Structure formats: C-alpha cells, structure tokens
C-alpha atoms as a PDB file:
ATOM      1  CA  MET A   1      24.482   4.608   1.667  1.00  0.00           C
ATOM      2  CA  ASP A   2      21.678   3.521   3.983  1.00  0.00           C
ATOM      3  CA  PHE A   3      18.359   2.614   2.377  1.00  0.00           C
ATOM      4  CA  VAL A   4      15.047   2.786   4.244  1.00  0.00           C
ATOM      5  CA  HIS A   5      11.794   0.935   3.519  1.00  0.00           C
ATOM      6  CA  VAL A   6       9.088   3.451   2.520  1.00  0.00           C
ATOM      7  CA  ASN A   7       6.325   1.322   0.996  1.00  0.00           C
ATOM      8  CA  THR A   8       5.338  -2.236   0.119  1.00  0.00           C
ATOM      9  CA  TYR A   9       3.621  -3.328  -3.096  1.00  0.00           C
ATOM     10  CA  THR A  10       2.006  -6.638  -3.966  1.00  0.00           C
ATOM     11  CA  ASN A  11       1.414  -5.482  -7.527  1.00  0.00           C
ATOM     12  CA  TYR A  12       4.447  -5.553  -9.825  1.00  0.00           C
ATOM     13  CA  ILE A  13       3.191  -2.725 -12.043  1.00  0.00           C
ATOM     14  CA  GLU A  14       2.394  -0.373  -9.142  1.00  0.00           C
ATOM     15  CA  ALA A  15       5.803  -1.044  -7.620  1.00  0.00           C
ATOM     16  CA  HIS A  16       7.604  -0.153 -10.840  1.00  0.00           C
ATOM     17  CA  ILE A  17       5.484   2.942 -11.435  1.00  0.00           C
ATOM     18  CA  ALA A  18       6.315   4.219  -7.932  1.00  0.00           C
ATOM     19  CA  SER A  19      10.000   3.427  -8.350  1.00  0.00           C
ATOM     20  CA  ALA A  20      10.181   5.116 -11.764  1.00  0.00           C
ATOM     21  CA  MET A  21       8.279   8.156 -10.479  1.00  0.00           C
ATOM     22  CA  LEU A  22      10.786   8.638  -7.651  1.00  0.00           C
ATOM     23  CA  GLN A  23      13.768   8.071  -9.928  1.00  0.00           C
ATOM     24  CA  GLU A  24      12.424  10.747 -12.314  1.00  0.00           C
ATOM     25  CA  GLU A  25      12.491  13.141  -9.361  1.00  0.00           C
ATOM     26  CA  GLY A  26      16.167  12.296  -8.745  1.00  0.00           C
ATOM     27  CA  ILE A  27      15.533  10.027  -5.774  1.00  0.00           C
ATOM     28  CA  ASN A  28      17.877   7.068  -5.333  1.00  0.00           C
ATOM     29  CA  CYS A  29      15.636   4.021  -4.812  1.00  0.00           C
ATOM     30  CA  HIS A  30      15.229   0.344  -5.672  1.00  0.00           C
ATOM     31  CA  LEU A  31      12.820  -2.555  -5.137  1.00  0.00           C
ATOM     32  CA  GLU A  32      13.713  -5.312  -2.710  1.00  0.00           C
ATOM     33  CA  ASP A  33      12.257  -8.843  -2.841  1.00  0.00           C
ATOM     34  CA  GLU A  34      11.093  -8.202  -6.409  1.00  0.00           C
ATOM     35  CA  ASN A  35      12.079 -11.634  -7.720  1.00  0.00           C
ATOM     36  CA  MET A  36      10.592 -13.471  -4.741  1.00  0.00           C
ATOM     37  CA  ALA A  37       7.318 -11.565  -5.042  1.00  0.00           C
ATOM     38  CA  THR A  38       6.876 -12.085  -8.768  1.00  0.00           C
ATOM     39  CA  MET A  39       8.125 -15.670  -9.140  1.00  0.00           C
ATOM     40  CA  LEU A  40       6.828 -17.201  -5.920  1.00  0.00           C
ATOM     41  CA  SER A  41       3.707 -15.103  -5.264  1.00  0.00           C
ATOM     42  CA  TYR A  42       5.453 -13.933  -2.104  1.00  0.00           C
ATOM     43  CA  ALA A  43       2.626 -12.528   0.032  1.00  0.00           C
ATOM     44  CA  SER A  44       4.615  -9.781   1.740  1.00  0.00           C
ATOM     45  CA  GLY A  45       5.330  -8.127  -1.607  1.00  0.00           C
ATOM     46  CA  MET A  46       8.084  -5.903  -2.954  1.00  0.00           C
ATOM     47  CA  ARG A  47       9.628  -3.300  -0.697  1.00  0.00           C
ATOM     48  CA  LEU A  48      10.413   0.143  -2.089  1.00  0.00           C
ATOM     49  CA  MET A  49      13.724   1.229  -0.569  1.00  0.00           C
ATOM     50  CA  VAL A  50      14.907   4.860  -0.608  1.00  0.00           C
ATOM     51  CA  VAL A  51      18.129   6.545   0.491  1.00  0.00           C
ATOM     52  CA  GLU A  52      17.599   7.647   4.085  1.00  0.00           C
ATOM     53  CA  SER A  53      18.184  11.346   3.369  1.00  0.00           C
ATOM     54  CA  GLN A  54      15.412  11.341   0.731  1.00  0.00           C
ATOM     55  CA  VAL A  55      12.667   9.529   2.691  1.00  0.00           C
ATOM     56  CA  GLU A  56      10.505  12.564   3.531  1.00  0.00           C
ATOM     57  CA  ARG A  57      10.556  13.876  -0.037  1.00  0.00           C
ATOM     58  CA  SER A  58       9.777  10.371  -1.369  1.00  0.00           C
ATOM     59  CA  LEU A  59       6.793   9.925   0.924  1.00  0.00           C
ATOM     60  CA  GLU A  60       5.430  13.323  -0.083  1.00  0.00           C
ATOM     61  CA  ILE A  61       5.790  12.541  -3.814  1.00  0.00           C
ATOM     62  CA  LEU A  62       4.051   9.159  -3.407  1.00  0.00           C
ATOM     63  CA  LYS A  63       1.275  10.679  -1.290  1.00  0.00           C
ATOM     64  CA  GLN A  64       0.628  13.492  -3.796  1.00  0.00           C
ATOM     65  CA  ALA A  65       0.567  11.025  -6.701  1.00  0.00           C
ATOM     66  CA  GLU A  66      -1.991   8.853  -4.908  1.00  0.00           C
ATOM     67  CA  LEU A  67      -4.181  11.846  -4.040  1.00  0.00           C
ATOM     68  CA  GLU A  68      -4.103  13.023  -7.663  1.00  0.00           C
ATOM     69  CA  TYR A  69      -5.020   9.522  -8.844  1.00  0.00           C
ATOM     70  CA  LEU A  70      -7.941   9.358  -6.387  1.00  0.00           C
ATOM     71  CA  LYS A  71      -9.412  12.458  -8.046  1.00  0.00           C
ATOM     72  CA  THR A  72      -9.885  10.421 -11.239  1.00  0.00           C
ATOM     73  CA  ILE A  73     -11.879   7.584  -9.643  1.00  0.00           C
ATOM     74  CA  ALA A  74     -15.637   7.753  -9.244  1.00  0.00           C
ATOM     75  CA  CYS A  75     -17.356   6.124  -6.291  1.00  0.00           C
ATOM     76  CA  PRO A  76     -19.187   3.047  -7.633  1.00  0.00           C
ATOM     77  CA  HIS A  77     -22.148   3.884  -5.398  1.00  0.00           C
ATOM     78  CA  CYS A  78     -22.821   7.598  -6.048  1.00  0.00           C
ATOM     79  CA  LYS A  79     -20.573   8.171  -9.108  1.00  0.00           C
ATOM     80  CA  GLU A  80     -18.932  11.246  -7.513  1.00  0.00           C
ATOM     81  CA  LYS A  81     -15.155  11.659  -7.713  1.00  0.00           C
ATOM     82  CA  SER A  82     -14.724  12.284  -4.014  1.00  0.00           C
ATOM     83  CA  LEU A  83     -12.727   9.387  -2.603  1.00  0.00           C
ATOM     84  CA  GLU A  84     -10.301   9.875   0.261  1.00  0.00           C
ATOM     85  CA  ILE A  85      -7.864   7.628   2.110  1.00  0.00           C
ATOM     86  CA  LYS A  86      -9.009   6.258   5.451  1.00  0.00           C
ATOM     87  CA  LEU A  87      -6.694   4.312   7.769  1.00  0.00           C
ATOM     88  CA  VAL A  88      -8.524   1.532   9.620  1.00  0.00           C
ATOM     89  CA  VAL A  89      -7.289  -0.666  12.471  1.00  0.00           C
ATOM     90  CA  GLU A  90      -8.174  -4.306  11.788  1.00  0.00           C
ATOM     91  CA  ASP A  91      -7.614  -7.660  13.389  1.00  0.00           C
ATOM     92  CA  ALA A  92      -4.401  -9.049  11.885  1.00  0.00           C
ATOM     93  CA  ASP A  93      -5.789 -12.606  11.918  1.00  0.00           C
ATOM     94  CA  ALA A  94      -8.496 -11.714   9.398  1.00  0.00           C
ATOM     95  CA  VAL A  95      -6.023  -9.986   7.083  1.00  0.00           C
ATOM     96  CA  LEU A  96      -3.209 -12.550   7.324  1.00  0.00           C
ATOM     97  CA  LYS A  97      -5.428 -15.605   6.769  1.00  0.00           C
ATOM     98  CA  LYS A  98      -5.859 -14.493   3.147  1.00  0.00           C
ATOM     99  CA  PHE A  99      -2.248 -15.502   2.465  1.00  0.00           C
ATOM    100  CA  ILE A 100      -0.656 -18.940   2.187  1.00  0.00           C
ATOM    101  CA  PHE A 101       1.394 -18.718   5.364  1.00  0.00           C
ATOM    102  CA  GLY A 102      -0.991 -16.317   7.071  1.00  0.00           C
ATOM    103  CA  ARG A 103      -2.082 -18.665   9.827  1.00  0.00           C
ATOM    104  CA  ILE A 104       1.518 -19.320  10.883  1.00  0.00           C
ATOM    105  CA  ILE A 105       2.389 -15.620  10.765  1.00  0.00           C
ATOM    106  CA  SER A 106      -0.751 -14.799  12.724  1.00  0.00           C
ATOM    107  CA  LEU A 107       0.127 -17.303  15.444  1.00  0.00           C
ATOM    108  CA  MET A 108       3.680 -15.941  15.680  1.00  0.00           C
ATOM    109  CA  ALA A 109       2.369 -12.380  15.865  1.00  0.00           C
ATOM    110  CA  ARG A 110       0.138 -13.312  18.814  1.00  0.00           C
ATOM    111  CA  LEU A 111       3.037 -14.969  20.623  1.00  0.00           C
ATOM    112  CA  PHE A 112       5.517 -12.122  20.186  1.00  0.00           C
ATOM    113  CA  SER A 113       3.349  -9.000  20.159  1.00  0.00           C
ATOM    114  CA  ALA A 114       2.783  -7.062  23.349  1.00  0.00           C
ATOM    115  CA  GLU A 115       0.232  -4.812  21.607  1.00  0.00           C
ATOM    116  CA  GLY A 116      -2.092  -7.549  20.463  1.00  0.00           C
ATOM    117  CA  ASN A 117      -2.924  -8.576  16.960  1.00  0.00           C
ATOM    118  CA  LYS A 118      -3.990  -5.304  15.306  1.00  0.00           C
ATOM    119  CA  ILE A 119      -2.688  -3.740  12.103  1.00  0.00           C
ATOM    120  CA  THR A 120      -3.510  -0.525  10.266  1.00  0.00           C
ATOM    121  CA  VAL A 121      -4.742  -0.955   6.693  1.00  0.00           C
ATOM    122  CA  LYS A 122      -5.719   1.544   4.030  1.00  0.00           C
ATOM    123  CA  HIS A 123      -9.367   1.836   3.039  1.00  0.00           C
ATOM    124  CA  TYR A 124     -11.075   4.357   0.769  1.00  0.00           C
ATOM    125  CA  SER A 125     -14.100   6.388   1.748  1.00  0.00           C
ATOM    126  CA  CYS A 126     -16.409   8.555  -0.362  1.00  0.00           C
ATOM    127  CA  THR A 127     -16.930  11.999   1.142  1.00  0.00           C
ATOM    128  CA  SER A 128     -20.201  12.397  -0.798  1.00  0.00           C
ATOM    129  CA  CYS A 129     -22.129   9.252   0.182  1.00  0.00           C
ATOM    130  CA  GLY A 130     -20.026   7.835   3.024  1.00  0.00           C
ATOM    131  CA  LYS A 131     -19.540   4.436   1.372  1.00  0.00           C
ATOM    132  CA  GLU A 132     -16.269   2.720   2.376  1.00  0.00           C
ATOM    133  CA  TYR A 133     -14.152   0.340   0.298  1.00  0.00           C
ATOM    134  CA  ALA A 134     -11.453  -2.058   1.484  1.00  0.00           C
ATOM    135  CA  SER A 135      -9.727  -1.754  -1.874  1.00  0.00           C
ATOM    136  CA  LEU A 136      -9.635   0.960  -4.473  1.00  0.00           C
ATOM    137  CA  PRO A 137     -12.591   0.733  -6.867  1.00  0.00           C
ATOM    138  CA  PRO A 138     -11.597   0.310 -10.529  1.00  0.00           C
ATOM    139  CA  ASN A 139     -11.029   3.452 -12.544  1.00  0.00           C
ATOM    140  CA  GLU A 140     -13.493   3.546 -15.414  1.00  0.00           C
ATOM    141  CA  PHE A 141     -11.623   6.499 -16.988  1.00  0.00           C
ATOM    142  CA  SER A 142     -14.761   8.597 -17.066  1.00  0.00           C
END
C-alpha cells in the first residue's frame, strides 16, 4: 500500500483530530514524524499520510471540516462569523527564520531552488470587514 502526504500539523491535538476524523470515515491513514515532533519540538511537524487511492476523499473531508469550523469563529475586529481561507505567497526567509534551523533551511532553499524563495501559506480573511489574520483567531465559543 502506498501512502501519500496530505497535510502537515505542528499541533499534536489537531493532528490527532484530523487522523481520527479520517479513520471514522473509513480512510486508512497514519501520522508520520509524530514522535520527533512532540519530543524534540521538530519544526516541520507531523505529516498526515493517507492511502493513495483515498487522497481526494481525504482532502475533501478535511476541507469541509475546516470550513465548518470557520463558521464558528467570530472576527476579533468586527465580531462577524465570516472568516474565509486565503492563500498568500510569502518570502520563505521570513517564515523559516521563526524556527530553530530556519536560517540553514532558508540558505539551502536559496541555493537549490530555481523558483526563488517563495512559499504559499494559509491566512484567514474576514469577508465583512476585510481584516486579515496570519493565524486563526481564537474561538470564543460565542
């Protein structure tokens, strides 16, 4: 059986929720690098691996779950529950320098990348007020 990487998590709880959610739907999956990520604060996180034939269904389930969760979170600025996912292209140097080995990884990326040093990261944007967040605002369960 060939497993394919479908998502990466730096949060142990989120990784296990996603894995359990897929397993409940009958999808064969597991977490890779779980011990490294939890014991050594491994910056690249845990990788959710799914059987190749179930990748599309897995991605759809994870996407729907995230969209449903976003409906429960109010924008801290306008208090409306109208957040959406926005993919943003950022300079990899700025993102990678947050991690222990980020400077080394950033240098290697510049040396070996023909496309430059850009990566796509997930941001959240409020459709009501236009405010953008680099990370998901906390859910106040309101």
